[in-house]
Amino acid sequence: MTMYKLRPSGSARWLACPASLVLEAGVEPEKRDDLHAAYLGSATHELLEMCIKQQKRAEAFRGEFITVYDEEYQNFPYVKEVDETMIASANFFIDEVGEPLPGSEVYSELEMEHSEIPELRGTADYVCINGDHALLADLKNGTGIVQVQKRDGTINTQLLSYASMVFDKFEQVETITLAIIQPNGKTKKKVRSTGINRKDCEIYLDRVKEAAKLADEATEATLDVIASEGSHCWFCKAKDICPARGKAEIDRDFGGDANQVK
């Protein structure tokens, strides 16, 4: 068992840089009330949950108010009236996942944690179990394109994290279709999917365990070794105190070895 929270949304970061788990644990959360796109995304997810659990189209909730509030990260609640944009996004998702086959089990906002790695936990937007196969669909409300699989075959680690927990929770499931549904994405292909099996997630879990082990065993002397600078730093809460990022910035600014800068 690791001492750090292995959030699926941050998996691309902590797999590439296990040191971020250690460093972020020492940073107090910053409370902000200006992340309107994120709040709108949360409100749209809540609308989708209402639609799926009550088996209604999104227009049934037109004019209702949804409150988004996370005490750890917000000073004040964000209140959003269900509008046409939210309705269109939720209905697009519903239409794309389609009507479940008779006998299927459908879950919305399914909270899970892995039995072998309890700190690997998260909430999946939509899971539909039909026999030994499952559909795991993730709603992305933003316009920036999020890939389910890169050209080199690398699969989105956030979805792999959720899939690992689905395999763990539902022993009969042997294969999963992973899908990212992006109604507002700036692309013609607003639904992207791929298939995986249990073996794929077993390999992925080995990577998760290794990252957690490196973080758990890290000392001040070894932290630099397991730190890695890259695009994954963008949303890291510890980027301002990260030794790897600091060294990379000095190298860029001075074109040399940070250790030589006095």
C-alpha atoms as a PDB file:
ATOM      1  CA  MET A   1       0.000   0.000   0.000  1.00  0.00           C
ATOM      2  CA  THR A   2       1.325   3.421  -0.955  1.00  0.00           C
ATOM      3  CA  MET A   3       1.041   6.529   1.210  1.00  0.00           C
ATOM      4  CA  TYR A   4       0.084   8.726  -1.766  1.00  0.00           C
ATOM      5  CA  LYS A   5      -3.181   9.311  -3.616  1.00  0.00           C
ATOM      6  CA  LEU A   6      -2.946   7.831  -7.115  1.00  0.00           C
ATOM      7  CA  ARG A   7      -5.558   9.957  -8.876  1.00  0.00           C
ATOM      8  CA  PRO A   8      -6.352   8.732 -12.414  1.00  0.00           C
ATOM      9  CA  SER A   9      -6.572  12.320 -13.707  1.00  0.00           C
ATOM     10  CA  GLY A  10      -2.938  12.884 -12.718  1.00  0.00           C
ATOM     11  CA  SER A  11      -1.628   9.477 -13.814  1.00  0.00           C
ATOM     12  CA  ALA A  12       0.292  10.748 -16.847  1.00  0.00           C
ATOM     13  CA  ARG A  13       2.223  12.998 -14.469  1.00  0.00           C
ATOM     14  CA  TRP A  14       2.988  10.651 -11.596  1.00  0.00           C
ATOM     15  CA  LEU A  15       3.900   7.768 -13.907  1.00  0.00           C
ATOM     16  CA  ALA A  16       6.432   9.987 -15.688  1.00  0.00           C
ATOM     17  CA  CYS A  17       7.526  11.712 -12.480  1.00  0.00           C
ATOM     18  CA  PRO A  18       6.985   9.710  -9.262  1.00  0.00           C
ATOM     19  CA  ALA A  19       8.606  12.593  -7.382  1.00  0.00           C
ATOM     20  CA  SER A  20       5.490  14.670  -8.033  1.00  0.00           C
ATOM     21  CA  LEU A  21       3.564  12.432  -5.611  1.00  0.00           C
ATOM     22  CA  VAL A  22       6.016  13.333  -2.857  1.00  0.00           C
ATOM     23  CA  LEU A  23       6.289  17.018  -3.727  1.00  0.00           C
ATOM     24  CA  GLU A  24       2.551  17.623  -4.190  1.00  0.00           C
ATOM     25  CA  ALA A  25       1.831  16.063  -0.802  1.00  0.00           C
ATOM     26  CA  GLY A  26       3.689  18.992   0.769  1.00  0.00           C
ATOM     27  CA  VAL A  27       1.823  21.723  -1.107  1.00  0.00           C
ATOM     28  CA  GLU A  28      -1.341  23.246   0.334  1.00  0.00           C
ATOM     29  CA  PRO A  29      -4.263  23.308  -2.135  1.00  0.00           C
ATOM     30  CA  GLU A  30      -4.843  26.702  -3.743  1.00  0.00           C
ATOM     31  CA  LYS A  31      -8.412  27.915  -3.504  1.00  0.00           C
ATOM     32  CA  ARG A  32      -9.653  29.600  -6.676  1.00  0.00           C
ATOM     33  CA  ASP A  33     -12.997  30.762  -8.004  1.00  0.00           C
ATOM     34  CA  ASP A  34     -12.070  31.649 -11.582  1.00  0.00           C
ATOM     35  CA  LEU A  35     -11.813  28.217 -13.221  1.00  0.00           C
ATOM     36  CA  HIS A  36     -15.145  28.613 -14.992  1.00  0.00           C
ATOM     37  CA  ALA A  37     -14.468  26.070 -17.753  1.00  0.00           C
ATOM     38  CA  ALA A  38     -13.698  23.423 -15.135  1.00  0.00           C
ATOM     39  CA  TYR A  39     -16.820  24.293 -13.127  1.00  0.00           C
ATOM     40  CA  LEU A  40     -18.961  24.148 -16.274  1.00  0.00           C
ATOM     41  CA  GLY A  41     -17.482  20.729 -17.023  1.00  0.00           C
ATOM     42  CA  SER A  42     -18.386  19.522 -13.534  1.00  0.00           C
ATOM     43  CA  ALA A  43     -21.925  20.878 -13.886  1.00  0.00           C
ATOM     44  CA  THR A  44     -22.323  19.128 -17.253  1.00  0.00           C
ATOM     45  CA  HIS A  45     -21.103  15.863 -15.730  1.00  0.00           C
ATOM     46  CA  GLU A  46     -23.690  16.238 -12.979  1.00  0.00           C
ATOM     47  CA  LEU A  47     -26.399  16.857 -15.584  1.00  0.00           C
ATOM     48  CA  LEU A  48     -25.311  13.710 -17.430  1.00  0.00           C
ATOM     49  CA  GLU A  49     -25.491  11.718 -14.206  1.00  0.00           C
ATOM     50  CA  MET A  50     -29.046  12.964 -13.626  1.00  0.00           C
ATOM     51  CA  CYS A  51     -30.008  11.950 -17.168  1.00  0.00           C
ATOM     52  CA  ILE A  52     -28.589   8.435 -16.930  1.00  0.00           C
ATOM     53  CA  LYS A  53     -29.858   7.622 -13.440  1.00  0.00           C
ATOM     54  CA  GLN A  54     -33.334   9.010 -14.114  1.00  0.00           C
ATOM     55  CA  GLN A  55     -33.387   7.747 -17.729  1.00  0.00           C
ATOM     56  CA  LYS A  56     -34.356  11.154 -19.118  1.00  0.00           C
ATOM     57  CA  ARG A  57     -33.140  13.371 -21.935  1.00  0.00           C
ATOM     58  CA  ALA A  58     -31.226  16.452 -20.839  1.00  0.00           C
ATOM     59  CA  GLU A  59     -33.963  18.894 -21.886  1.00  0.00           C
ATOM     60  CA  ALA A  60     -36.048  17.556 -18.997  1.00  0.00           C
ATOM     61  CA  PHE A  61     -33.741  19.531 -16.702  1.00  0.00           C
ATOM     62  CA  ARG A  62     -33.724  22.783 -18.683  1.00  0.00           C
ATOM     63  CA  GLY A  63     -33.762  25.781 -16.335  1.00  0.00           C
ATOM     64  CA  GLU A  64     -32.754  23.819 -13.234  1.00  0.00           C
ATOM     65  CA  PHE A  65     -29.741  25.004 -11.225  1.00  0.00           C
ATOM     66  CA  ILE A  66     -26.701  22.848 -10.530  1.00  0.00           C
ATOM     67  CA  THR A  67     -24.246  23.784  -7.782  1.00  0.00           C
ATOM     68  CA  VAL A  68     -20.570  22.869  -8.042  1.00  0.00           C
ATOM     69  CA  TYR A  69     -18.531  23.199  -4.868  1.00  0.00           C
ATOM     70  CA  ASP A  70     -15.309  21.594  -3.670  1.00  0.00           C
ATOM     71  CA  GLU A  71     -14.441  22.890  -0.209  1.00  0.00           C
ATOM     72  CA  GLU A  72     -10.760  22.047  -0.688  1.00  0.00           C
ATOM     73  CA  TYR A  73     -10.340  24.062  -3.884  1.00  0.00           C
ATOM     74  CA  GLN A  74     -13.113  26.708  -3.953  1.00  0.00           C
ATOM     75  CA  ASN A  75     -14.010  29.640  -1.719  1.00  0.00           C
ATOM     76  CA  PHE A  76     -17.531  29.954  -3.083  1.00  0.00           C
ATOM     77  CA  PRO A  77     -20.003  27.634  -4.839  1.00  0.00           C
ATOM     78  CA  TYR A  78     -20.453  27.861  -8.614  1.00  0.00           C
ATOM     79  CA  VAL A  79     -24.120  27.824  -9.579  1.00  0.00           C
ATOM     80  CA  LYS A  80     -25.057  27.116 -13.210  1.00  0.00           C
ATOM     81  CA  GLU A  81     -28.475  27.064 -14.837  1.00  0.00           C
ATOM     82  CA  VAL A  82     -28.892  24.162 -17.244  1.00  0.00           C
ATOM     83  CA  ASP A  83     -28.715  25.771 -20.696  1.00  0.00           C
ATOM     84  CA  GLU A  84     -28.802  24.644 -24.317  1.00  0.00           C
ATOM     85  CA  THR A  85     -25.043  24.022 -24.509  1.00  0.00           C
ATOM     86  CA  MET A  86     -25.129  21.705 -21.504  1.00  0.00           C
ATOM     87  CA  ILE A  87     -28.217  19.965 -22.858  1.00  0.00           C
ATOM     88  CA  ALA A  88     -26.573  19.397 -26.243  1.00  0.00           C
ATOM     89  CA  SER A  89     -23.412  17.990 -24.622  1.00  0.00           C
ATOM     90  CA  ALA A  90     -25.264  15.563 -22.356  1.00  0.00           C
ATOM     91  CA  ASN A  91     -27.581  14.381 -25.131  1.00  0.00           C
ATOM     92  CA  PHE A  92     -24.643  13.882 -27.498  1.00  0.00           C
ATOM     93  CA  PHE A  93     -23.010  11.569 -24.928  1.00  0.00           C
ATOM     94  CA  ILE A  94     -26.256   9.657 -24.342  1.00  0.00           C
ATOM     95  CA  ASP A  95     -26.769   9.162 -28.071  1.00  0.00           C
ATOM     96  CA  GLU A  96     -23.202   7.947 -28.590  1.00  0.00           C
ATOM     97  CA  VAL A  97     -23.201   5.299 -25.846  1.00  0.00           C
ATOM     98  CA  GLY A  98     -26.586   4.181 -27.129  1.00  0.00           C
ATOM     99  CA  GLU A  99     -29.327   2.150 -25.529  1.00  0.00           C
ATOM    100  CA  PRO A 100     -27.853  -0.614 -23.347  1.00  0.00           C
ATOM    101  CA  LEU A 101     -28.617  -4.194 -24.346  1.00  0.00           C
ATOM    102  CA  PRO A 102     -31.179  -6.058 -22.247  1.00  0.00           C
ATOM    103  CA  GLY A 103     -29.594  -7.453 -19.100  1.00  0.00           C
ATOM    104  CA  SER A 104     -26.758  -4.934 -19.053  1.00  0.00           C
ATOM    105  CA  GLU A 105     -25.631  -3.194 -15.869  1.00  0.00           C
ATOM    106  CA  VAL A 106     -25.276   0.590 -16.294  1.00  0.00           C
ATOM    107  CA  TYR A 107     -23.396   2.821 -13.862  1.00  0.00           C
ATOM    108  CA  SER A 108     -23.032   6.589 -13.849  1.00  0.00           C
ATOM    109  CA  GLU A 109     -20.360   8.324 -11.758  1.00  0.00           C
ATOM    110  CA  LEU A 110     -19.157   4.946 -10.500  1.00  0.00           C
ATOM    111  CA  GLU A 111     -16.789   5.379  -7.535  1.00  0.00           C
ATOM    112  CA  MET A 112     -14.118   2.688  -7.382  1.00  0.00           C
ATOM    113  CA  GLU A 113     -10.863   1.806  -5.695  1.00  0.00           C
ATOM    114  CA  HIS A 114      -8.475  -0.998  -6.547  1.00  0.00           C
ATOM    115  CA  SER A 115      -8.475  -3.814  -3.979  1.00  0.00           C
ATOM    116  CA  GLU A 116      -4.732  -4.416  -4.357  1.00  0.00           C
ATOM    117  CA  ILE A 117      -3.793  -0.715  -4.513  1.00  0.00           C
ATOM    118  CA  PRO A 118      -6.452   1.131  -2.457  1.00  0.00           C
ATOM    119  CA  GLU A 119      -4.888   4.520  -3.163  1.00  0.00           C
ATOM    120  CA  LEU A 120      -5.713   4.012  -6.856  1.00  0.00           C
ATOM    121  CA  ARG A 121      -9.251   5.299  -6.772  1.00  0.00           C
ATOM    122  CA  GLY A 122     -11.521   7.433  -8.907  1.00  0.00           C
ATOM    123  CA  THR A 123     -14.955   7.988 -10.417  1.00  0.00           C
ATOM    124  CA  ALA A 124     -15.823   6.747 -13.906  1.00  0.00           C
ATOM    125  CA  ASP A 125     -18.376   8.770 -15.882  1.00  0.00           C
ATOM    126  CA  TYR A 126     -20.127   5.814 -17.497  1.00  0.00           C
ATOM    127  CA  VAL A 127     -19.707   2.044 -17.285  1.00  0.00           C
ATOM    128  CA  CYS A 128     -21.933  -0.497 -19.016  1.00  0.00           C
ATOM    129  CA  ILE A 129     -21.369  -4.182 -18.246  1.00  0.00           C
ATOM    130  CA  ASN A 130     -22.712  -6.757 -20.675  1.00  0.00           C
ATOM    131  CA  GLY A 131     -21.515 -10.273 -19.887  1.00  0.00           C
ATOM    132  CA  ASP A 132     -17.721 -10.439 -20.145  1.00  0.00           C
ATOM    133  CA  HIS A 133     -17.450  -7.092 -21.956  1.00  0.00           C
ATOM    134  CA  ALA A 134     -17.707  -3.521 -20.679  1.00  0.00           C
ATOM    135  CA  LEU A 135     -17.973  -0.062 -22.186  1.00  0.00           C
ATOM    136  CA  LEU A 136     -16.094   2.607 -20.241  1.00  0.00           C
ATOM    137  CA  ALA A 137     -16.918   6.062 -21.603  1.00  0.00           C
ATOM    138  CA  ASP A 138     -15.434   9.355 -20.429  1.00  0.00           C
ATOM    139  CA  LEU A 139     -17.046  12.748 -21.103  1.00  0.00           C
ATOM    140  CA  LYS A 140     -14.595  15.530 -21.947  1.00  0.00           C
ATOM    141  CA  ASN A 141     -16.475  18.820 -22.021  1.00  0.00           C
ATOM    142  CA  GLY A 142     -13.626  21.055 -23.241  1.00  0.00           C
ATOM    143  CA  THR A 143     -12.548  21.931 -26.767  1.00  0.00           C
ATOM    144  CA  GLY A 144      -8.916  20.769 -26.533  1.00  0.00           C
ATOM    145  CA  ILE A 145      -8.585  17.300 -28.055  1.00  0.00           C
ATOM    146  CA  VAL A 146      -7.910  14.423 -25.665  1.00  0.00           C
ATOM    147  CA  GLN A 147      -6.779  11.207 -27.333  1.00  0.00           C
ATOM    148  CA  VAL A 148      -7.793   7.755 -26.160  1.00  0.00           C
ATOM    149  CA  GLN A 149      -4.724   6.336 -27.896  1.00  0.00           C
ATOM    150  CA  LYS A 150      -1.642   7.996 -29.362  1.00  0.00           C
ATOM    151  CA  ARG A 151      -0.181   7.144 -32.759  1.00  0.00           C
ATOM    152  CA  ASP A 152       2.491   5.014 -31.119  1.00  0.00           C
ATOM    153  CA  GLY A 153      -0.239   2.876 -29.544  1.00  0.00           C
ATOM    154  CA  THR A 154       0.082   4.336 -26.037  1.00  0.00           C
ATOM    155  CA  ILE A 155      -3.311   4.332 -24.334  1.00  0.00           C
ATOM    156  CA  ASN A 156      -4.624   7.205 -22.201  1.00  0.00           C
ATOM    157  CA  THR A 157      -3.476   6.401 -18.645  1.00  0.00           C
ATOM    158  CA  GLN A 158      -6.493   8.007 -16.994  1.00  0.00           C
ATOM    159  CA  LEU A 159      -8.728   5.516 -18.810  1.00  0.00           C
ATOM    160  CA  LEU A 160      -6.327   2.658 -18.074  1.00  0.00           C
ATOM    161  CA  SER A 161      -6.596   3.552 -14.378  1.00  0.00           C
ATOM    162  CA  TYR A 162     -10.393   3.378 -14.510  1.00  0.00           C
ATOM    163  CA  ALA A 163     -10.265   0.169 -16.568  1.00  0.00           C
ATOM    164  CA  SER A 164      -7.959  -1.473 -14.019  1.00  0.00           C
ATOM    165  CA  MET A 165     -10.536  -0.753 -11.339  1.00  0.00           C
ATOM    166  CA  VAL A 166     -13.377  -2.066 -13.520  1.00  0.00           C
ATOM    167  CA  PHE A 167     -11.518  -5.351 -14.073  1.00  0.00           C
ATOM    168  CA  ASP A 168     -10.866  -5.512 -10.323  1.00  0.00           C
ATOM    169  CA  LYS A 169     -14.497  -4.822  -9.384  1.00  0.00           C
ATOM    170  CA  PHE A 170     -16.199  -6.988 -12.011  1.00  0.00           C
ATOM    171  CA  GLU A 171     -14.466 -10.371 -12.153  1.00  0.00           C
ATOM    172  CA  GLN A 172     -16.511 -11.562 -15.134  1.00  0.00           C
ATOM    173  CA  VAL A 173     -15.259  -8.750 -17.396  1.00  0.00           C
ATOM    174  CA  GLU A 174     -12.465  -9.826 -19.760  1.00  0.00           C
ATOM    175  CA  THR A 175     -12.459  -7.005 -22.339  1.00  0.00           C
ATOM    176  CA  ILE A 176     -13.289  -3.291 -22.238  1.00  0.00           C
ATOM    177  CA  THR A 177     -13.983  -0.700 -24.903  1.00  0.00           C
ATOM    178  CA  LEU A 178     -12.503   2.620 -23.810  1.00  0.00           C
ATOM    179  CA  ALA A 179     -14.138   5.701 -25.280  1.00  0.00           C
ATOM    180  CA  ILE A 180     -13.616   9.437 -24.990  1.00  0.00           C
ATOM    181  CA  ILE A 181     -16.705  11.395 -25.988  1.00  0.00           C
ATOM    182  CA  GLN A 182     -16.026  15.064 -26.624  1.00  0.00           C
ATOM    183  CA  PRO A 183     -19.121  16.956 -27.844  1.00  0.00           C
ATOM    184  CA  ASN A 184     -17.364  20.327 -28.001  1.00  0.00           C
ATOM    185  CA  GLY A 185     -14.006  19.116 -29.298  1.00  0.00           C
ATOM    186  CA  LYS A 186     -12.489  21.056 -32.183  1.00  0.00           C
ATOM    187  CA  THR A 187     -12.483  18.026 -34.440  1.00  0.00           C
ATOM    188  CA  LYS A 188     -14.878  16.136 -36.688  1.00  0.00           C
ATOM    189  CA  LYS A 189     -14.110  12.933 -34.806  1.00  0.00           C
ATOM    190  CA  LYS A 190     -15.753  13.657 -31.472  1.00  0.00           C
ATOM    191  CA  VAL A 191     -15.750  10.034 -30.316  1.00  0.00           C
ATOM    192  CA  ARG A 192     -12.490   8.087 -30.086  1.00  0.00           C
ATOM    193  CA  SER A 193     -12.247   4.526 -28.806  1.00  0.00           C
ATOM    194  CA  THR A 194     -10.022   1.480 -28.476  1.00  0.00           C
ATOM    195  CA  GLY A 195     -10.205  -1.970 -26.910  1.00  0.00           C
ATOM    196  CA  ILE A 196      -8.162  -3.557 -24.101  1.00  0.00           C
ATOM    197  CA  ASN A 197      -8.102  -6.800 -22.124  1.00  0.00           C
ATOM    198  CA  ARG A 198      -7.075  -7.873 -18.624  1.00  0.00           C
ATOM    199  CA  LYS A 199      -3.469  -8.464 -19.642  1.00  0.00           C
ATOM    200  CA  ASP A 200      -3.149  -4.846 -20.796  1.00  0.00           C
ATOM    201  CA  CYS A 201      -4.201  -3.640 -17.361  1.00  0.00           C
ATOM    202  CA  GLU A 202      -1.949  -6.097 -15.548  1.00  0.00           C
ATOM    203  CA  ILE A 203       0.990  -4.554 -17.403  1.00  0.00           C
ATOM    204  CA  TYR A 204      -0.296  -1.075 -16.572  1.00  0.00           C
ATOM    205  CA  LEU A 205      -0.682  -1.945 -12.866  1.00  0.00           C
ATOM    206  CA  ASP A 206       2.978  -2.992 -12.757  1.00  0.00           C
ATOM    207  CA  ARG A 207       3.846   0.563 -13.859  1.00  0.00           C
ATOM    208  CA  VAL A 208       1.550   2.016 -11.191  1.00  0.00           C
ATOM    209  CA  LYS A 209       3.140  -0.137  -8.472  1.00  0.00           C
ATOM    210  CA  GLU A 210       6.641   0.845  -9.571  1.00  0.00           C
ATOM    211  CA  ALA A 211       5.826   4.575  -9.502  1.00  0.00           C
ATOM    212  CA  ALA A 212       4.249   4.243  -6.055  1.00  0.00           C
ATOM    213  CA  LYS A 213       7.241   2.261  -4.775  1.00  0.00           C
ATOM    214  CA  LEU A 214       9.700   4.879  -6.019  1.00  0.00           C
ATOM    215  CA  ALA A 215       7.698   7.629  -4.322  1.00  0.00           C
ATOM    216  CA  ASP A 216       7.345   5.702  -1.055  1.00  0.00           C
ATOM    217  CA  GLU A 217      11.070   4.971  -0.886  1.00  0.00           C
ATOM    218  CA  ALA A 218      12.207   8.443  -1.961  1.00  0.00           C
ATOM    219  CA  THR A 219      14.558  10.451   0.213  1.00  0.00           C
ATOM    220  CA  GLU A 220      15.786  13.998  -0.169  1.00  0.00           C
ATOM    221  CA  ALA A 221      18.900  12.604  -1.823  1.00  0.00           C
ATOM    222  CA  THR A 222      17.028  10.464  -4.357  1.00  0.00           C
ATOM    223  CA  LEU A 223      14.167  12.826  -5.157  1.00  0.00           C
ATOM    224  CA  ASP A 224      16.082  14.378  -8.061  1.00  0.00           C
ATOM    225  CA  VAL A 225      16.598  10.948  -9.614  1.00  0.00           C
ATOM    226  CA  ILE A 226      12.879  10.136  -9.832  1.00  0.00           C
ATOM    227  CA  ALA A 227      11.844  13.650 -10.906  1.00  0.00           C
ATOM    228  CA  SER A 228      11.236  14.295 -14.583  1.00  0.00           C
ATOM    229  CA  GLU A 229      10.493  17.574 -16.380  1.00  0.00           C
ATOM    230  CA  GLY A 230       8.082  17.661 -19.299  1.00  0.00           C
ATOM    231  CA  SER A 231       4.594  18.536 -20.523  1.00  0.00           C
ATOM    232  CA  HIS A 232       3.142  16.644 -17.551  1.00  0.00           C
ATOM    233  CA  CYS A 233       4.390  19.472 -15.291  1.00  0.00           C
ATOM    234  CA  TRP A 234       1.719  21.901 -16.493  1.00  0.00           C
ATOM    235  CA  PHE A 235      -0.951  20.957 -13.935  1.00  0.00           C
ATOM    236  CA  CYS A 236       1.435  19.883 -11.171  1.00  0.00           C
ATOM    237  CA  LYS A 237       0.832  21.735  -7.903  1.00  0.00           C
ATOM    238  CA  ALA A 238       4.512  21.356  -7.008  1.00  0.00           C
ATOM    239  CA  LYS A 239       6.028  22.740 -10.220  1.00  0.00           C
ATOM    240  CA  ASP A 240       7.327  25.847  -8.444  1.00  0.00           C
ATOM    241  CA  ILE A 241       9.384  23.783  -5.993  1.00  0.00           C
ATOM    242  CA  CYS A 242      10.377  20.936  -8.326  1.00  0.00           C
ATOM    243  CA  PRO A 243      14.162  20.381  -8.628  1.00  0.00           C
ATOM    244  CA  ALA A 244      13.908  18.853 -12.117  1.00  0.00           C
ATOM    245  CA  ARG A 245      11.837  21.746 -13.457  1.00  0.00           C
ATOM    246  CA  GLY A 246      14.168  24.278 -11.841  1.00  0.00           C
ATOM    247  CA  LYS A 247      17.202  22.638 -13.441  1.00  0.00           C
ATOM    248  CA  ALA A 248      15.502  22.519 -16.855  1.00  0.00           C
ATOM    249  CA  GLU A 249      14.644  26.240 -16.657  1.00  0.00           C
ATOM    250  CA  ILE A 250      18.234  27.143 -15.783  1.00  0.00           C
ATOM    251  CA  ASP A 251      19.503  24.994 -18.652  1.00  0.00           C
ATOM    252  CA  ARG A 252      17.141  26.774 -21.040  1.00  0.00           C
ATOM    253  CA  ASP A 253      17.996  30.242 -19.730  1.00  0.00           C
ATOM    254  CA  PHE A 254      21.744  29.776 -19.488  1.00  0.00           C
ATOM    255  CA  GLY A 255      22.365  26.945 -21.923  1.00  0.00           C
ATOM    256  CA  GLY A 256      24.428  24.918 -19.519  1.00  0.00           C
ATOM    257  CA  ASP A 257      24.532  22.649 -16.516  1.00  0.00           C
ATOM    258  CA  ALA A 258      22.500  23.939 -13.587  1.00  0.00           C
ATOM    259  CA  ASN A 259      25.107  22.513 -11.224  1.00  0.00           C
ATOM    260  CA  GLN A 260      27.671  24.930 -12.641  1.00  0.00           C
ATOM    261  CA  VAL A 261      25.545  27.988 -11.917  1.00  0.00           C
ATOM    262  CA  LYS A 262      26.755  29.625  -8.714  1.00  0.00           C
END
